Amino acid sequence: MCTGKCALCVGTSLYPLAVISIICNIMLFFPGWDVKYAQNQQITEEVKYMGGLVGGGILVLIPALHIHLTGKQGCCANRCGMFLSILFAAVGVAGALYSFIVALMGLINGPYCKHFLIIWGTPFKDREESYLKDRSTWGNCTEPKNVVEFNVGLFSTLLVTSALQLILCAIQMINGLFGCLCGTCKEKGPL
């Protein structure tokens, strides 16, 4: 495959992943589909780090645009464009890695919720046994309703999305290196 076509494929694949990351992060601000928890600062700490919005969103969307344009017309027009795609892909790797770590910490620590009917906090944080293995403990969170399922679903989606972004940006770094060193892959016309 031509390095330009590969860049086009990678850039195009990053667009929906960045949009999914942004949507998941925005949704995490509204547990129980209610704005009152965000207004009262009663949301999971990792949501405030905006890993999906900043890391998996903006820091991947900007490189995706450059990578996509580098691969336009199925060919890498020049070595400089491919070199720049390496740098932009590195930014994408950093953003995806940030999103991955924040989502992982969100899953490990668990949601911020009301437990024991009066106390707000993170009841699953610093426990020996993970709450993810024992669904019977999920009922400890009484408010917002179904917050554990909500957080697990969205943070898991962010985790998978950022892992895919990380892989694609790493592929583009290698592809950009080949395009930079080996040159363009323009089809030769009839002599």
C-alpha atoms as a PDB file:
ATOM      1  CA  MET A   1       0.000   0.000   0.000  1.00  0.00           C
ATOM      2  CA  CYS A   2       1.203   3.502  -0.804  1.00  0.00           C
ATOM      3  CA  THR A   3       2.198   5.618   2.203  1.00  0.00           C
ATOM      4  CA  GLY A   4      -0.231   8.303   1.057  1.00  0.00           C
ATOM      5  CA  LYS A   5      -3.146   5.879   0.870  1.00  0.00           C
ATOM      6  CA  CYS A   6      -2.228   4.546   4.299  1.00  0.00           C
ATOM      7  CA  ALA A   7      -2.200   8.109   5.689  1.00  0.00           C
ATOM      8  CA  LEU A   8      -5.613   8.735   4.117  1.00  0.00           C
ATOM      9  CA  CYS A   9      -6.973   5.566   5.714  1.00  0.00           C
ATOM     10  CA  VAL A  10      -5.512   6.403   9.153  1.00  0.00           C
ATOM     11  CA  GLY A  11      -6.722  10.016   9.042  1.00  0.00           C
ATOM     12  CA  THR A  12     -10.229   8.994   8.011  1.00  0.00           C
ATOM     13  CA  SER A  13     -10.375   6.336  10.749  1.00  0.00           C
ATOM     14  CA  LEU A  14      -9.384   8.825  13.444  1.00  0.00           C
ATOM     15  CA  TYR A  15     -12.326  11.185  12.780  1.00  0.00           C
ATOM     16  CA  PRO A  16     -15.144   8.994  14.183  1.00  0.00           C
ATOM     17  CA  LEU A  17     -12.956   7.855  17.081  1.00  0.00           C
ATOM     18  CA  ALA A  18     -12.308  11.481  18.086  1.00  0.00           C
ATOM     19  CA  VAL A  19     -16.021  12.296  17.861  1.00  0.00           C
ATOM     20  CA  ILE A  20     -16.899   9.249  20.004  1.00  0.00           C
ATOM     21  CA  SER A  21     -14.348  10.369  22.621  1.00  0.00           C
ATOM     22  CA  ILE A  22     -15.780  13.871  22.741  1.00  0.00           C
ATOM     23  CA  ILE A  23     -19.372  12.627  23.032  1.00  0.00           C
ATOM     24  CA  CYS A  24     -18.489  10.140  25.799  1.00  0.00           C
ATOM     25  CA  ASN A  25     -16.674  12.788  27.815  1.00  0.00           C
ATOM     26  CA  ILE A  26     -19.557  15.254  27.495  1.00  0.00           C
ATOM     27  CA  MET A  27     -22.057  12.563  28.522  1.00  0.00           C
ATOM     28  CA  LEU A  28     -19.986  11.761  31.634  1.00  0.00           C
ATOM     29  CA  PHE A  29     -20.710  15.279  32.911  1.00  0.00           C
ATOM     30  CA  PHE A  30     -24.404  14.349  33.223  1.00  0.00           C
ATOM     31  CA  PRO A  31     -24.729  11.175  35.325  1.00  0.00           C
ATOM     32  CA  GLY A  32     -28.309  10.041  35.597  1.00  0.00           C
ATOM     33  CA  TRP A  33     -28.986  12.331  32.615  1.00  0.00           C
ATOM     34  CA  ASP A  34     -29.348  15.261  34.990  1.00  0.00           C
ATOM     35  CA  VAL A  35     -27.468  18.586  35.042  1.00  0.00           C
ATOM     36  CA  LYS A  36     -27.805  19.085  38.804  1.00  0.00           C
ATOM     37  CA  TYR A  37     -24.850  16.800  39.544  1.00  0.00           C
ATOM     38  CA  ALA A  38     -22.537  18.817  37.309  1.00  0.00           C
ATOM     39  CA  GLN A  39     -23.843  22.069  38.784  1.00  0.00           C
ATOM     40  CA  ASN A  40     -23.212  20.793  42.339  1.00  0.00           C
ATOM     41  CA  GLN A  41     -19.759  19.405  41.443  1.00  0.00           C
ATOM     42  CA  GLN A  42     -21.008  15.889  42.241  1.00  0.00           C
ATOM     43  CA  ILE A  43     -19.289  14.150  39.336  1.00  0.00           C
ATOM     44  CA  THR A  44     -16.442  11.676  39.140  1.00  0.00           C
ATOM     45  CA  GLU A  45     -13.051  13.366  39.471  1.00  0.00           C
ATOM     46  CA  GLU A  46     -11.653  11.803  36.270  1.00  0.00           C
ATOM     47  CA  VAL A  47     -14.460  13.382  34.242  1.00  0.00           C
ATOM     48  CA  LYS A  48     -13.085  16.812  35.162  1.00  0.00           C
ATOM     49  CA  TYR A  49      -9.713  15.891  33.605  1.00  0.00           C
ATOM     50  CA  MET A  50     -11.528  15.809  30.236  1.00  0.00           C
ATOM     51  CA  GLY A  51      -9.449  12.960  28.808  1.00  0.00           C
ATOM     52  CA  GLY A  52     -11.995  12.262  26.082  1.00  0.00           C
ATOM     53  CA  LEU A  53     -12.585  15.893  25.160  1.00  0.00           C
ATOM     54  CA  VAL A  54      -9.011  17.163  25.197  1.00  0.00           C
ATOM     55  CA  GLY A  55      -6.893  14.017  24.817  1.00  0.00           C
ATOM     56  CA  GLY A  56      -8.913  11.682  22.624  1.00  0.00           C
ATOM     57  CA  GLY A  57     -10.824  14.566  21.037  1.00  0.00           C
ATOM     58  CA  ILE A  58      -8.907  17.741  20.185  1.00  0.00           C
ATOM     59  CA  LEU A  59      -5.382  16.292  20.440  1.00  0.00           C
ATOM     60  CA  VAL A  60      -6.381  13.530  18.002  1.00  0.00           C
ATOM     61  CA  LEU A  61      -8.697  15.548  15.748  1.00  0.00           C
ATOM     62  CA  ILE A  62      -6.028  18.086  14.747  1.00  0.00           C
ATOM     63  CA  PRO A  63      -3.483  15.387  13.751  1.00  0.00           C
ATOM     64  CA  ALA A  64      -6.250  13.452  11.978  1.00  0.00           C
ATOM     65  CA  LEU A  65      -6.927  16.481   9.799  1.00  0.00           C
ATOM     66  CA  HIS A  66      -3.250  16.882   8.863  1.00  0.00           C
ATOM     67  CA  ILE A  67      -2.751  13.134   8.316  1.00  0.00           C
ATOM     68  CA  HIS A  68      -5.864  12.994   6.152  1.00  0.00           C
ATOM     69  CA  LEU A  69      -4.700  15.952   4.050  1.00  0.00           C
ATOM     70  CA  THR A  70      -1.225  14.424   3.729  1.00  0.00           C
ATOM     71  CA  GLY A  71      -2.768  11.342   2.155  1.00  0.00           C
ATOM     72  CA  LYS A  72      -5.134  13.247  -0.184  1.00  0.00           C
ATOM     73  CA  GLN A  73      -5.315  11.913  -3.734  1.00  0.00           C
ATOM     74  CA  GLY A  74      -3.884   8.627  -2.506  1.00  0.00           C
ATOM     75  CA  CYS A  75      -0.326   9.824  -2.649  1.00  0.00           C
ATOM     76  CA  CYS A  76       2.101  11.568  -0.388  1.00  0.00           C
ATOM     77  CA  ALA A  77       2.942  14.689  -2.324  1.00  0.00           C
ATOM     78  CA  ASN A  78       6.233  15.336  -0.590  1.00  0.00           C
ATOM     79  CA  ARG A  79       8.616  14.146   2.070  1.00  0.00           C
ATOM     80  CA  CYS A  80       8.066  17.237   4.195  1.00  0.00           C
ATOM     81  CA  GLY A  81       4.340  16.483   4.500  1.00  0.00           C
ATOM     82  CA  MET A  82       5.096  12.957   5.642  1.00  0.00           C
ATOM     83  CA  PHE A  83       7.672  14.247   8.135  1.00  0.00           C
ATOM     84  CA  LEU A  84       5.109  16.639   9.586  1.00  0.00           C
ATOM     85  CA  SER A  85       2.623  13.782   9.791  1.00  0.00           C
ATOM     86  CA  ILE A  86       5.078  12.002  12.107  1.00  0.00           C
ATOM     87  CA  LEU A  87       5.066  15.008  14.446  1.00  0.00           C
ATOM     88  CA  PHE A  88       1.285  15.374  14.306  1.00  0.00           C
ATOM     89  CA  ALA A  89       0.846  11.628  14.887  1.00  0.00           C
ATOM     90  CA  ALA A  90       3.099  11.954  17.954  1.00  0.00           C
ATOM     91  CA  VAL A  91       0.702  14.609  19.289  1.00  0.00           C
ATOM     92  CA  GLY A  92      -2.128  12.164  18.595  1.00  0.00           C
ATOM     93  CA  VAL A  93      -0.285   9.428  20.509  1.00  0.00           C
ATOM     94  CA  ALA A  94       0.128  11.788  23.479  1.00  0.00           C
ATOM     95  CA  GLY A  95      -3.573  12.734  23.396  1.00  0.00           C
ATOM     96  CA  ALA A  96      -4.742   9.128  23.066  1.00  0.00           C
ATOM     97  CA  LEU A  97      -2.421   8.052  25.875  1.00  0.00           C
ATOM     98  CA  TYR A  98      -3.788  10.811  28.131  1.00  0.00           C
ATOM     99  CA  SER A  99      -7.356   9.754  27.348  1.00  0.00           C
ATOM    100  CA  PHE A 100      -6.462   6.085  27.955  1.00  0.00           C
ATOM    101  CA  ILE A 101      -4.910   6.789  31.375  1.00  0.00           C
ATOM    102  CA  VAL A 102      -7.789   9.011  32.517  1.00  0.00           C
ATOM    103  CA  ALA A 103     -10.378   6.411  31.410  1.00  0.00           C
ATOM    104  CA  LEU A 104      -8.433   3.629  33.114  1.00  0.00           C
ATOM    105  CA  MET A 105      -8.261   5.622  36.354  1.00  0.00           C
ATOM    106  CA  GLY A 106     -11.987   6.385  36.046  1.00  0.00           C
ATOM    107  CA  LEU A 107     -12.698   2.662  35.838  1.00  0.00           C
ATOM    108  CA  ILE A 108     -10.329   1.743  38.676  1.00  0.00           C
ATOM    109  CA  ASN A 109     -11.541   4.413  41.122  1.00  0.00           C
ATOM    110  CA  GLY A 110     -15.235   4.091  40.331  1.00  0.00           C
ATOM    111  CA  PRO A 111     -17.918   6.769  40.292  1.00  0.00           C
ATOM    112  CA  TYR A 112     -18.561   9.638  42.671  1.00  0.00           C
ATOM    113  CA  CYS A 113     -21.955   8.925  44.194  1.00  0.00           C
ATOM    114  CA  LYS A 114     -24.153   9.026  47.284  1.00  0.00           C
ATOM    115  CA  HIS A 115     -23.665   5.897  49.367  1.00  0.00           C
ATOM    116  CA  PHE A 116     -24.971   4.838  52.760  1.00  0.00           C
ATOM    117  CA  LEU A 117     -27.913   7.123  51.832  1.00  0.00           C
ATOM    118  CA  ILE A 118     -26.196  10.315  53.091  1.00  0.00           C
ATOM    119  CA  ILE A 119     -22.485  10.351  52.213  1.00  0.00           C
ATOM    120  CA  TRP A 120     -21.152  11.614  48.884  1.00  0.00           C
ATOM    121  CA  GLY A 121     -17.852  10.125  47.811  1.00  0.00           C
ATOM    122  CA  THR A 122     -16.044   7.457  45.826  1.00  0.00           C
ATOM    123  CA  PRO A 123     -16.954   4.262  47.717  1.00  0.00           C
ATOM    124  CA  PHE A 124     -14.985   1.888  45.462  1.00  0.00           C
ATOM    125  CA  LYS A 125     -11.684   3.760  45.599  1.00  0.00           C
ATOM    126  CA  ASP A 126      -8.758   2.126  47.434  1.00  0.00           C
ATOM    127  CA  ARG A 127     -10.476  -1.214  47.916  1.00  0.00           C
ATOM    128  CA  GLU A 128      -8.599  -4.489  47.686  1.00  0.00           C
ATOM    129  CA  GLU A 129     -11.209  -6.197  45.523  1.00  0.00           C
ATOM    130  CA  SER A 130     -12.338  -4.379  42.381  1.00  0.00           C
ATOM    131  CA  TYR A 131     -15.967  -3.375  42.206  1.00  0.00           C
ATOM    132  CA  LEU A 132     -15.899  -4.361  38.541  1.00  0.00           C
ATOM    133  CA  LYS A 133     -15.734  -8.047  39.521  1.00  0.00           C
ATOM    134  CA  ASP A 134     -18.566  -7.842  42.057  1.00  0.00           C
ATOM    135  CA  ARG A 135     -21.759  -6.417  40.605  1.00  0.00           C
ATOM    136  CA  SER A 136     -23.597  -6.864  43.883  1.00  0.00           C
ATOM    137  CA  THR A 137     -21.673  -3.878  45.317  1.00  0.00           C
ATOM    138  CA  TRP A 138     -22.931  -1.564  42.592  1.00  0.00           C
ATOM    139  CA  GLY A 139     -26.146  -1.025  44.528  1.00  0.00           C
ATOM    140  CA  ASN A 140     -24.136   0.819  47.208  1.00  0.00           C
ATOM    141  CA  CYS A 141     -24.405   3.915  45.014  1.00  0.00           C
ATOM    142  CA  THR A 142     -27.926   5.201  45.504  1.00  0.00           C
ATOM    143  CA  GLU A 143     -27.652   8.494  43.632  1.00  0.00           C
ATOM    144  CA  PRO A 144     -27.367   9.278  40.699  1.00  0.00           C
ATOM    145  CA  LYS A 145     -29.432   6.322  39.583  1.00  0.00           C
ATOM    146  CA  ASN A 146     -27.393   3.640  37.758  1.00  0.00           C
ATOM    147  CA  VAL A 147     -24.231   5.775  37.959  1.00  0.00           C
ATOM    148  CA  VAL A 148     -21.960   2.735  38.149  1.00  0.00           C
ATOM    149  CA  GLU A 149     -23.282   1.278  34.893  1.00  0.00           C
ATOM    150  CA  PHE A 150     -23.191   4.738  33.347  1.00  0.00           C
ATOM    151  CA  ASN A 151     -19.536   5.319  34.254  1.00  0.00           C
ATOM    152  CA  VAL A 152     -18.388   1.782  33.427  1.00  0.00           C
ATOM    153  CA  GLY A 153     -20.000   1.927  29.981  1.00  0.00           C
ATOM    154  CA  LEU A 154     -18.657   5.340  29.037  1.00  0.00           C
ATOM    155  CA  PHE A 155     -15.173   4.948  30.539  1.00  0.00           C
ATOM    156  CA  SER A 156     -14.877   1.530  28.858  1.00  0.00           C
ATOM    157  CA  THR A 157     -15.838   3.100  25.544  1.00  0.00           C
ATOM    158  CA  LEU A 158     -13.217   5.808  26.082  1.00  0.00           C
ATOM    159  CA  LEU A 159     -10.636   3.147  26.946  1.00  0.00           C
ATOM    160  CA  VAL A 160     -11.241   1.161  23.745  1.00  0.00           C
ATOM    161  CA  THR A 161     -11.472   4.283  21.591  1.00  0.00           C
ATOM    162  CA  SER A 162      -8.228   5.736  22.922  1.00  0.00           C
ATOM    163  CA  ALA A 163      -6.449   2.386  22.482  1.00  0.00           C
ATOM    164  CA  LEU A 164      -7.498   2.353  18.810  1.00  0.00           C
ATOM    165  CA  GLN A 165      -6.391   5.977  18.417  1.00  0.00           C
ATOM    166  CA  LEU A 166      -3.035   5.114  19.966  1.00  0.00           C
ATOM    167  CA  ILE A 167      -2.534   2.210  17.553  1.00  0.00           C
ATOM    168  CA  LEU A 168      -3.560   4.244  14.491  1.00  0.00           C
ATOM    169  CA  CYS A 169      -1.324   7.187  15.385  1.00  0.00           C
ATOM    170  CA  ALA A 170       1.606   4.824  16.015  1.00  0.00           C
ATOM    171  CA  ILE A 171       0.975   3.237  12.606  1.00  0.00           C
ATOM    172  CA  GLN A 172       1.012   6.701  11.047  1.00  0.00           C
ATOM    173  CA  MET A 173       4.320   7.513  12.733  1.00  0.00           C
ATOM    174  CA  ILE A 174       5.849   4.423  11.096  1.00  0.00           C
ATOM    175  CA  ASN A 175       4.086   5.141   7.794  1.00  0.00           C
ATOM    176  CA  GLY A 176       5.279   8.753   7.884  1.00  0.00           C
ATOM    177  CA  LEU A 177       8.833   7.588   8.495  1.00  0.00           C
ATOM    178  CA  PHE A 178       8.686   5.337   5.429  1.00  0.00           C
ATOM    179  CA  GLY A 179       7.127   8.134   3.381  1.00  0.00           C
ATOM    180  CA  CYS A 180       9.758  10.578   4.559  1.00  0.00           C
ATOM    181  CA  LEU A 181      12.730   8.276   3.933  1.00  0.00           C
ATOM    182  CA  CYS A 182      11.573   6.446   0.821  1.00  0.00           C
ATOM    183  CA  GLY A 183       9.850   9.337  -0.889  1.00  0.00           C
ATOM    184  CA  THR A 184       6.603   9.548  -2.742  1.00  0.00           C
ATOM    185  CA  CYS A 185       4.767   6.727  -4.394  1.00  0.00           C
ATOM    186  CA  LYS A 186       3.373   8.430  -7.441  1.00  0.00           C
ATOM    187  CA  GLU A 187       2.306   6.138 -10.208  1.00  0.00           C
ATOM    188  CA  LYS A 188       4.543   6.357 -13.188  1.00  0.00           C
ATOM    189  CA  GLY A 189       2.728   7.301 -16.356  1.00  0.00           C
ATOM    190  CA  PRO A 190       3.549   6.058 -19.853  1.00  0.00           C
ATOM    191  CA  LEU A 191       6.926   7.201 -21.137  1.00  0.00           C
END
